[in-house]
Amino acid sequence: MPRALENPLGWCWLIMGVLTVVLCRRPTRRCGAILACLCIVLTAFGGTPLSAWLLSTLERSHTWTAAGRLGQVDAIVVLGGSYSVSADEPAGFKVNSSFDRITTGLALVDLGLSTNLVLGGGIPVEGTSSMHDGEALRPWLGKRVPASTRVLVIESSTTTREEAVHFATMATGKGWHRIALVTSGSHLPRAVAVFEGQGIEVEPIGCAFEGLTRLSSANRWTLVPNPGDLRLSGMWFHEMMGRLYYRLRGWSN
């Protein structure tokens, strides 16, 4: 069995293809043509490098090799979204594919960019936990940074814009002006815009380059759509809609 057919999406695509052939051989050709177009779109975004390429256009200019020479900053700010509270895990939190944000923040601490490591995130909307995601991560993280490093948590935020607003209040109180902002490469342009909109000087540091990673993989063409590539297209669409929304609200240029 082809590996692409090991998930429900592949079987749905196959069934749609069969129905397309059946409908096109009957008087209902118009319905068959519509279904054929849907299959083509699904294949384009889920079975070709298109989704990865689209996402990579947001990531490419923010890789570590593309970053300029970094100097000292007042704080290293790691945006949330890559970890969350979990009472089921021994560590008290769970992670996802964007946890590169945390490892990148640790790498910048090791490079000596700052002794202040600031975590974004918020309180889960669902469930009974009232703990901030960053608070769940802080004990684990505190054991992995030098004793001179302070691990701080931004006030609970549900959006990047809220993280920027809440951090600006923290920065004003501590006299901080220049930060290294760490988030996924595709998300970085929007994040930089809202933080700079709060009057903060930002050194952008990207990570979790999922589009570029997918483009460098050996099996970029699968024909049968797969959930992984469709997720990349969803990430790209989310960022493009997010940029438009932020501009319409006047939160970024």
C-alpha atoms as a PDB file:
ATOM      1  CA  MET A   1       0.000   0.000   0.000  1.00  0.00           C
ATOM      2  CA  PRO A   2       1.402   3.462  -0.869  1.00  0.00           C
ATOM      3  CA  ARG A   3       2.394   5.291   2.294  1.00  0.00           C
ATOM      4  CA  ALA A   4       0.239   8.287   1.328  1.00  0.00           C
ATOM      5  CA  LEU A   5      -2.843   6.046   1.612  1.00  0.00           C
ATOM      6  CA  GLU A   6      -2.118   5.230   5.241  1.00  0.00           C
ATOM      7  CA  ASN A   7      -4.157   8.229   6.390  1.00  0.00           C
ATOM      8  CA  PRO A   8      -7.851   9.153   5.904  1.00  0.00           C
ATOM      9  CA  LEU A   9      -6.952  12.129   3.710  1.00  0.00           C
ATOM     10  CA  GLY A  10      -5.347   9.873   1.120  1.00  0.00           C
ATOM     11  CA  TRP A  11      -8.390   7.615   0.990  1.00  0.00           C
ATOM     12  CA  CYS A  12     -10.744  10.601   0.687  1.00  0.00           C
ATOM     13  CA  TRP A  13      -8.643  11.870  -2.227  1.00  0.00           C
ATOM     14  CA  LEU A  14      -8.767   8.445  -3.885  1.00  0.00           C
ATOM     15  CA  ILE A  15     -12.539   8.215  -3.477  1.00  0.00           C
ATOM     16  CA  MET A  16     -12.939  11.726  -4.898  1.00  0.00           C
ATOM     17  CA  GLY A  17     -10.834  10.697  -7.896  1.00  0.00           C
ATOM     18  CA  VAL A  18     -12.981   7.620  -8.542  1.00  0.00           C
ATOM     19  CA  LEU A  19     -16.184   9.668  -8.236  1.00  0.00           C
ATOM     20  CA  THR A  20     -14.747  12.218 -10.663  1.00  0.00           C
ATOM     21  CA  VAL A  21     -14.240   9.527 -13.295  1.00  0.00           C
ATOM     22  CA  VAL A  22     -17.725   8.098 -12.701  1.00  0.00           C
ATOM     23  CA  LEU A  23     -19.435  11.497 -12.893  1.00  0.00           C
ATOM     24  CA  CYS A  24     -17.529  12.557 -16.005  1.00  0.00           C
ATOM     25  CA  ARG A  25     -18.751   9.449 -17.833  1.00  0.00           C
ATOM     26  CA  ARG A  26     -22.384  10.318 -17.135  1.00  0.00           C
ATOM     27  CA  PRO A  27     -24.618  13.325 -17.878  1.00  0.00           C
ATOM     28  CA  THR A  28     -23.430  14.848 -14.581  1.00  0.00           C
ATOM     29  CA  ARG A  29     -20.166  16.001 -16.162  1.00  0.00           C
ATOM     30  CA  ARG A  30     -20.378  19.448 -14.632  1.00  0.00           C
ATOM     31  CA  CYS A  31     -20.339  17.955 -11.139  1.00  0.00           C
ATOM     32  CA  GLY A  32     -17.442  15.764 -12.216  1.00  0.00           C
ATOM     33  CA  ALA A  33     -15.530  18.804 -13.459  1.00  0.00           C
ATOM     34  CA  ILE A  34     -16.070  20.587 -10.143  1.00  0.00           C
ATOM     35  CA  LEU A  35     -14.895  17.531  -8.204  1.00  0.00           C
ATOM     36  CA  ALA A  36     -11.878  17.242 -10.520  1.00  0.00           C
ATOM     37  CA  CYS A  37     -10.912  20.840  -9.746  1.00  0.00           C
ATOM     38  CA  LEU A  38     -11.139  20.119  -6.029  1.00  0.00           C
ATOM     39  CA  CYS A  39      -8.886  17.081  -6.465  1.00  0.00           C
ATOM     40  CA  ILE A  40      -6.342  19.160  -8.387  1.00  0.00           C
ATOM     41  CA  VAL A  41      -6.290  21.894  -5.721  1.00  0.00           C
ATOM     42  CA  LEU A  42      -5.950  19.290  -2.967  1.00  0.00           C
ATOM     43  CA  THR A  43      -3.096  17.627  -4.858  1.00  0.00           C
ATOM     44  CA  ALA A  44      -1.351  20.947  -5.491  1.00  0.00           C
ATOM     45  CA  PHE A  45      -1.331  21.968  -1.833  1.00  0.00           C
ATOM     46  CA  GLY A  46      -1.032  18.523  -0.285  1.00  0.00           C
ATOM     47  CA  GLY A  47       1.076  16.479  -2.683  1.00  0.00           C
ATOM     48  CA  THR A  48       3.566  18.876  -4.278  1.00  0.00           C
ATOM     49  CA  PRO A  49       6.240  21.291  -2.947  1.00  0.00           C
ATOM     50  CA  LEU A  50       3.846  24.237  -3.409  1.00  0.00           C
ATOM     51  CA  SER A  51       2.883  24.578   0.264  1.00  0.00           C
ATOM     52  CA  ALA A  52       6.487  24.301   1.413  1.00  0.00           C
ATOM     53  CA  TRP A  53       7.589  26.853  -1.181  1.00  0.00           C
ATOM     54  CA  LEU A  54       4.924  29.348  -0.123  1.00  0.00           C
ATOM     55  CA  LEU A  55       5.900  29.016   3.533  1.00  0.00           C
ATOM     56  CA  SER A  56       9.607  29.245   2.694  1.00  0.00           C
ATOM     57  CA  THR A  57       9.063  32.677   1.104  1.00  0.00           C
ATOM     58  CA  LEU A  58       8.260  33.936   4.618  1.00  0.00           C
ATOM     59  CA  GLU A  59      11.165  32.086   6.239  1.00  0.00           C
ATOM     60  CA  ARG A  60      14.122  32.459   3.897  1.00  0.00           C
ATOM     61  CA  SER A  61      15.319  35.908   4.976  1.00  0.00           C
ATOM     62  CA  HIS A  62      15.265  34.989   8.660  1.00  0.00           C
ATOM     63  CA  THR A  63      17.565  31.971   8.835  1.00  0.00           C
ATOM     64  CA  TRP A  64      20.566  32.117  11.136  1.00  0.00           C
ATOM     65  CA  THR A  65      22.937  32.464   8.173  1.00  0.00           C
ATOM     66  CA  ALA A  66      20.898  35.439   6.925  1.00  0.00           C
ATOM     67  CA  ALA A  67      21.015  37.177  10.319  1.00  0.00           C
ATOM     68  CA  GLY A  68      23.510  39.972  10.776  1.00  0.00           C
ATOM     69  CA  ARG A  69      26.110  40.145  13.488  1.00  0.00           C
ATOM     70  CA  LEU A  70      24.303  40.266  16.812  1.00  0.00           C
ATOM     71  CA  GLY A  71      25.377  42.318  19.783  1.00  0.00           C
ATOM     72  CA  GLN A  72      24.157  42.549  23.351  1.00  0.00           C
ATOM     73  CA  VAL A  73      20.432  43.021  23.869  1.00  0.00           C
ATOM     74  CA  ASP A  74      18.416  43.890  26.940  1.00  0.00           C
ATOM     75  CA  ALA A  75      16.366  40.700  26.738  1.00  0.00           C
ATOM     76  CA  ILE A  76      15.780  37.569  24.688  1.00  0.00           C
ATOM     77  CA  VAL A  77      12.031  37.288  24.104  1.00  0.00           C
ATOM     78  CA  VAL A  78      10.668  33.882  23.080  1.00  0.00           C
ATOM     79  CA  LEU A  79       7.074  33.999  21.911  1.00  0.00           C
ATOM     80  CA  GLY A  80       4.612  31.364  23.087  1.00  0.00           C
ATOM     81  CA  GLY A  81       2.787  28.771  21.056  1.00  0.00           C
ATOM     82  CA  SER A  82       5.377  26.011  21.193  1.00  0.00           C
ATOM     83  CA  TYR A  83       4.492  24.561  24.598  1.00  0.00           C
ATOM     84  CA  SER A  84       1.529  24.357  26.931  1.00  0.00           C
ATOM     85  CA  VAL A  85       0.579  23.256  30.415  1.00  0.00           C
ATOM     86  CA  SER A  86      -0.049  19.528  30.804  1.00  0.00           C
ATOM     87  CA  ALA A  87      -0.701  17.746  34.082  1.00  0.00           C
ATOM     88  CA  ASP A  88      -0.311  14.445  32.198  1.00  0.00           C
ATOM     89  CA  GLU A  89       3.394  15.020  31.472  1.00  0.00           C
ATOM     90  CA  PRO A  90       6.145  14.445  34.082  1.00  0.00           C
ATOM     91  CA  ALA A  91       7.675  17.838  33.252  1.00  0.00           C
ATOM     92  CA  GLY A  92       4.329  19.614  33.647  1.00  0.00           C
ATOM     93  CA  PHE A  93       4.182  20.817  30.049  1.00  0.00           C
ATOM     94  CA  LYS A  94       3.975  19.432  26.521  1.00  0.00           C
ATOM     95  CA  VAL A  95       5.662  20.704  23.376  1.00  0.00           C
ATOM     96  CA  ASN A  96       4.948  20.829  19.631  1.00  0.00           C
ATOM     97  CA  SER A  97       6.935  21.237  16.430  1.00  0.00           C
ATOM     98  CA  SER A  98       7.681  24.896  17.214  1.00  0.00           C
ATOM     99  CA  PHE A  99       9.675  24.065  20.355  1.00  0.00           C
ATOM    100  CA  ASP A 100      12.712  25.201  18.345  1.00  0.00           C
ATOM    101  CA  ARG A 101      11.743  28.612  19.721  1.00  0.00           C
ATOM    102  CA  ILE A 102      12.850  27.497  23.182  1.00  0.00           C
ATOM    103  CA  THR A 103      16.039  25.769  22.041  1.00  0.00           C
ATOM    104  CA  THR A 104      16.897  28.877  20.007  1.00  0.00           C
ATOM    105  CA  GLY A 105      16.355  31.057  23.061  1.00  0.00           C
ATOM    106  CA  LEU A 106      18.685  28.799  25.048  1.00  0.00           C
ATOM    107  CA  ALA A 107      21.275  29.013  22.258  1.00  0.00           C
ATOM    108  CA  LEU A 108      21.184  32.818  22.416  1.00  0.00           C
ATOM    109  CA  VAL A 109      21.677  32.673  26.188  1.00  0.00           C
ATOM    110  CA  ASP A 110      24.700  30.428  25.609  1.00  0.00           C
ATOM    111  CA  LEU A 111      26.035  33.007  23.141  1.00  0.00           C
ATOM    112  CA  GLY A 112      25.859  35.629  25.881  1.00  0.00           C
ATOM    113  CA  LEU A 113      23.367  37.968  24.182  1.00  0.00           C
ATOM    114  CA  SER A 114      21.514  38.684  27.418  1.00  0.00           C
ATOM    115  CA  THR A 115      20.962  37.475  30.970  1.00  0.00           C
ATOM    116  CA  ASN A 116      17.202  38.070  30.648  1.00  0.00           C
ATOM    117  CA  LEU A 117      15.133  35.321  29.007  1.00  0.00           C
ATOM    118  CA  VAL A 118      11.462  36.258  28.629  1.00  0.00           C
ATOM    119  CA  LEU A 119       8.707  33.754  27.794  1.00  0.00           C
ATOM    120  CA  GLY A 120       5.438  34.526  26.029  1.00  0.00           C
ATOM    121  CA  GLY A 121       2.256  32.495  26.025  1.00  0.00           C
ATOM    122  CA  GLY A 122      -0.877  32.494  28.101  1.00  0.00           C
ATOM    123  CA  ILE A 123      -3.339  30.568  30.219  1.00  0.00           C
ATOM    124  CA  PRO A 124      -5.067  27.697  28.364  1.00  0.00           C
ATOM    125  CA  VAL A 125      -8.593  28.520  27.231  1.00  0.00           C
ATOM    126  CA  GLU A 126      -9.775  24.951  27.714  1.00  0.00           C
ATOM    127  CA  GLY A 127      -9.330  22.661  30.670  1.00  0.00           C
ATOM    128  CA  THR A 128      -9.193  23.313  34.378  1.00  0.00           C
ATOM    129  CA  SER A 129      -5.613  24.586  34.589  1.00  0.00           C
ATOM    130  CA  SER A 130      -5.199  28.252  35.482  1.00  0.00           C
ATOM    131  CA  MET A 131      -1.398  28.180  35.195  1.00  0.00           C
ATOM    132  CA  HIS A 132       0.370  30.294  32.602  1.00  0.00           C
ATOM    133  CA  ASP A 133       2.151  28.173  29.982  1.00  0.00           C
ATOM    134  CA  GLY A 134       5.385  30.040  30.673  1.00  0.00           C
ATOM    135  CA  GLU A 135       5.114  29.353  34.405  1.00  0.00           C
ATOM    136  CA  ALA A 136       4.819  25.628  33.658  1.00  0.00           C
ATOM    137  CA  LEU A 137       7.990  25.769  31.583  1.00  0.00           C
ATOM    138  CA  ARG A 138      10.023  28.076  33.832  1.00  0.00           C
ATOM    139  CA  PRO A 139      11.186  25.509  36.454  1.00  0.00           C
ATOM    140  CA  TRP A 140      12.498  23.170  33.729  1.00  0.00           C
ATOM    141  CA  LEU A 141      14.099  26.019  31.846  1.00  0.00           C
ATOM    142  CA  GLY A 142      15.654  27.554  34.939  1.00  0.00           C
ATOM    143  CA  LYS A 143      17.752  24.420  35.453  1.00  0.00           C
ATOM    144  CA  ARG A 144      19.206  24.730  31.944  1.00  0.00           C
ATOM    145  CA  VAL A 145      20.442  28.300  31.958  1.00  0.00           C
ATOM    146  CA  PRO A 146      23.328  29.873  33.893  1.00  0.00           C
ATOM    147  CA  ALA A 147      22.551  30.981  37.433  1.00  0.00           C
ATOM    148  CA  SER A 148      22.973  34.602  36.351  1.00  0.00           C
ATOM    149  CA  THR A 149      20.109  34.306  33.837  1.00  0.00           C
ATOM    150  CA  ARG A 150      16.671  35.490  34.881  1.00  0.00           C
ATOM    151  CA  VAL A 151      13.691  33.664  33.355  1.00  0.00           C
ATOM    152  CA  LEU A 152      10.683  35.981  33.217  1.00  0.00           C
ATOM    153  CA  VAL A 153       7.129  35.513  31.922  1.00  0.00           C
ATOM    154  CA  ILE A 154       5.033  38.015  29.978  1.00  0.00           C
ATOM    155  CA  GLU A 155       1.503  38.604  31.262  1.00  0.00           C
ATOM    156  CA  SER A 156      -0.967  36.071  29.847  1.00  0.00           C
ATOM    157  CA  SER A 157      -1.608  36.764  26.147  1.00  0.00           C
ATOM    158  CA  THR A 158      -3.777  35.103  23.524  1.00  0.00           C
ATOM    159  CA  THR A 159      -2.289  36.824  20.448  1.00  0.00           C
ATOM    160  CA  THR A 160       1.090  38.086  19.269  1.00  0.00           C
ATOM    161  CA  ARG A 161      -0.199  41.626  19.505  1.00  0.00           C
ATOM    162  CA  GLU A 162      -1.117  41.120  23.162  1.00  0.00           C
ATOM    163  CA  GLU A 163       2.349  39.703  23.814  1.00  0.00           C
ATOM    164  CA  ALA A 164       3.845  42.858  22.283  1.00  0.00           C
ATOM    165  CA  VAL A 165       1.638  45.179  24.355  1.00  0.00           C
ATOM    166  CA  HIS A 166       2.259  43.325  27.605  1.00  0.00           C
ATOM    167  CA  PHE A 167       5.986  43.073  26.970  1.00  0.00           C
ATOM    168  CA  ALA A 168       6.168  46.806  26.223  1.00  0.00           C
ATOM    169  CA  THR A 169       4.808  47.466  29.724  1.00  0.00           C
ATOM    170  CA  MET A 170       7.433  45.142  31.197  1.00  0.00           C
ATOM    171  CA  ALA A 171      10.202  46.739  29.121  1.00  0.00           C
ATOM    172  CA  THR A 172       9.233  50.245  30.217  1.00  0.00           C
ATOM    173  CA  GLY A 173       9.365  49.225  33.866  1.00  0.00           C
ATOM    174  CA  LYS A 174      12.801  47.660  33.482  1.00  0.00           C
ATOM    175  CA  GLY A 175      14.278  50.254  31.146  1.00  0.00           C
ATOM    176  CA  TRP A 176      14.723  47.821  28.249  1.00  0.00           C
ATOM    177  CA  HIS A 177      14.872  49.105  24.692  1.00  0.00           C
ATOM    178  CA  ARG A 178      16.498  46.478  22.462  1.00  0.00           C
ATOM    179  CA  ILE A 179      15.552  42.797  22.311  1.00  0.00           C
ATOM    180  CA  ALA A 180      16.235  39.620  20.372  1.00  0.00           C
ATOM    181  CA  LEU A 181      12.807  38.391  19.294  1.00  0.00           C
ATOM    182  CA  VAL A 182      12.577  34.619  18.785  1.00  0.00           C
ATOM    183  CA  THR A 183       9.728  32.931  16.955  1.00  0.00           C
ATOM    184  CA  SER A 184       9.069  30.680  13.962  1.00  0.00           C
ATOM    185  CA  GLY A 185      10.578  32.060  10.765  1.00  0.00           C
ATOM    186  CA  SER A 186       7.229  32.294   8.973  1.00  0.00           C
ATOM    187  CA  HIS A 187       5.705  34.175  11.921  1.00  0.00           C
ATOM    188  CA  LEU A 188       8.630  36.546  12.433  1.00  0.00           C
ATOM    189  CA  PRO A 189       7.677  39.350   9.967  1.00  0.00           C
ATOM    190  CA  ARG A 190       4.287  39.867  11.641  1.00  0.00           C
ATOM    191  CA  ALA A 191       5.750  39.574  15.138  1.00  0.00           C
ATOM    192  CA  VAL A 192       8.517  42.095  14.428  1.00  0.00           C
ATOM    193  CA  ALA A 193       5.964  44.572  13.037  1.00  0.00           C
ATOM    194  CA  VAL A 194       3.796  44.585  16.168  1.00  0.00           C
ATOM    195  CA  PHE A 195       6.740  44.741  18.597  1.00  0.00           C
ATOM    196  CA  GLU A 196       8.307  47.616  16.689  1.00  0.00           C
ATOM    197  CA  GLY A 197       4.871  49.240  16.716  1.00  0.00           C
ATOM    198  CA  GLN A 198       5.242  49.368  20.511  1.00  0.00           C
ATOM    199  CA  GLY A 199       8.483  51.347  20.175  1.00  0.00           C
ATOM    200  CA  ILE A 200      10.821  48.410  20.816  1.00  0.00           C
ATOM    201  CA  GLU A 201      14.043  47.929  18.844  1.00  0.00           C
ATOM    202  CA  VAL A 202      14.004  44.350  17.557  1.00  0.00           C
ATOM    203  CA  GLU A 203      16.717  41.955  16.423  1.00  0.00           C
ATOM    204  CA  PRO A 204      14.696  39.205  14.650  1.00  0.00           C
ATOM    205  CA  ILE A 205      15.793  35.610  15.241  1.00  0.00           C
ATOM    206  CA  GLY A 206      13.909  32.969  13.272  1.00  0.00           C
ATOM    207  CA  CYS A 207      13.683  29.231  13.864  1.00  0.00           C
ATOM    208  CA  ALA A 208      11.400  26.249  13.141  1.00  0.00           C
ATOM    209  CA  PHE A 209      11.807  26.650   9.368  1.00  0.00           C
ATOM    210  CA  GLU A 210       9.274  24.024   8.380  1.00  0.00           C
ATOM    211  CA  GLY A 211       8.885  25.163   4.780  1.00  0.00           C
ATOM    212  CA  LEU A 212      12.623  25.170   4.092  1.00  0.00           C
ATOM    213  CA  THR A 213      13.016  21.813   5.824  1.00  0.00           C
ATOM    214  CA  ARG A 214      10.273  20.269   3.693  1.00  0.00           C
ATOM    215  CA  LEU A 215      11.839  21.639   0.500  1.00  0.00           C
ATOM    216  CA  SER A 216      15.126  19.975   1.376  1.00  0.00           C
ATOM    217  CA  SER A 217      13.521  16.560   1.955  1.00  0.00           C
ATOM    218  CA  ALA A 218      13.985  13.753  -0.552  1.00  0.00           C
ATOM    219  CA  ASN A 219      10.276  13.013  -1.129  1.00  0.00           C
ATOM    220  CA  ARG A 220       8.819  16.421  -1.900  1.00  0.00           C
ATOM    221  CA  TRP A 221       6.389  15.046  -4.497  1.00  0.00           C
ATOM    222  CA  THR A 222       3.805  12.582  -3.179  1.00  0.00           C
ATOM    223  CA  LEU A 223       0.902  13.219  -5.624  1.00  0.00           C
ATOM    224  CA  VAL A 224      -1.533  11.806  -3.070  1.00  0.00           C
ATOM    225  CA  PRO A 225      -2.066  14.699  -0.619  1.00  0.00           C
ATOM    226  CA  ASN A 226      -0.775  14.286   2.913  1.00  0.00           C
ATOM    227  CA  PRO A 227      -1.728  16.129   6.137  1.00  0.00           C
ATOM    228  CA  GLY A 228       1.809  17.444   6.657  1.00  0.00           C
ATOM    229  CA  ASP A 229       1.900  19.475   3.448  1.00  0.00           C
ATOM    230  CA  LEU A 230      -1.650  20.710   3.944  1.00  0.00           C
ATOM    231  CA  ARG A 231      -0.634  21.911   7.421  1.00  0.00           C
ATOM    232  CA  LEU A 232       2.145  23.976   5.831  1.00  0.00           C
ATOM    233  CA  SER A 233      -0.342  25.613   3.482  1.00  0.00           C
ATOM    234  CA  GLY A 234      -2.527  26.356   6.505  1.00  0.00           C
ATOM    235  CA  MET A 235       0.413  28.014   8.264  1.00  0.00           C
ATOM    236  CA  TRP A 236       1.099  30.175   5.209  1.00  0.00           C
ATOM    237  CA  PHE A 237      -2.567  31.159   4.876  1.00  0.00           C
ATOM    238  CA  HIS A 238      -2.756  31.949   8.605  1.00  0.00           C
ATOM    239  CA  GLU A 239       0.211  34.307   8.372  1.00  0.00           C
ATOM    240  CA  MET A 240      -1.037  36.080   5.258  1.00  0.00           C
ATOM    241  CA  MET A 241      -4.476  36.613   6.789  1.00  0.00           C
ATOM    242  CA  GLY A 242      -2.830  37.673  10.052  1.00  0.00           C
ATOM    243  CA  ARG A 243      -0.744  40.309   8.275  1.00  0.00           C
ATOM    244  CA  LEU A 244      -3.801  41.691   6.529  1.00  0.00           C
ATOM    245  CA  TYR A 245      -5.821  41.759   9.745  1.00  0.00           C
ATOM    246  CA  TYR A 246      -3.042  43.503  11.693  1.00  0.00           C
ATOM    247  CA  ARG A 247      -2.683  46.135   8.981  1.00  0.00           C
ATOM    248  CA  LEU A 248      -6.419  46.775   8.863  1.00  0.00           C
ATOM    249  CA  ARG A 249      -6.399  47.237  12.651  1.00  0.00           C
ATOM    250  CA  GLY A 250      -3.434  49.612  12.403  1.00  0.00           C
ATOM    251  CA  TRP A 251      -1.185  47.351  14.487  1.00  0.00           C
ATOM    252  CA  SER A 252       1.552  47.071  11.851  1.00  0.00           C
ATOM    253  CA  ASN A 253       2.709  48.788   8.689  1.00  0.00           C
END
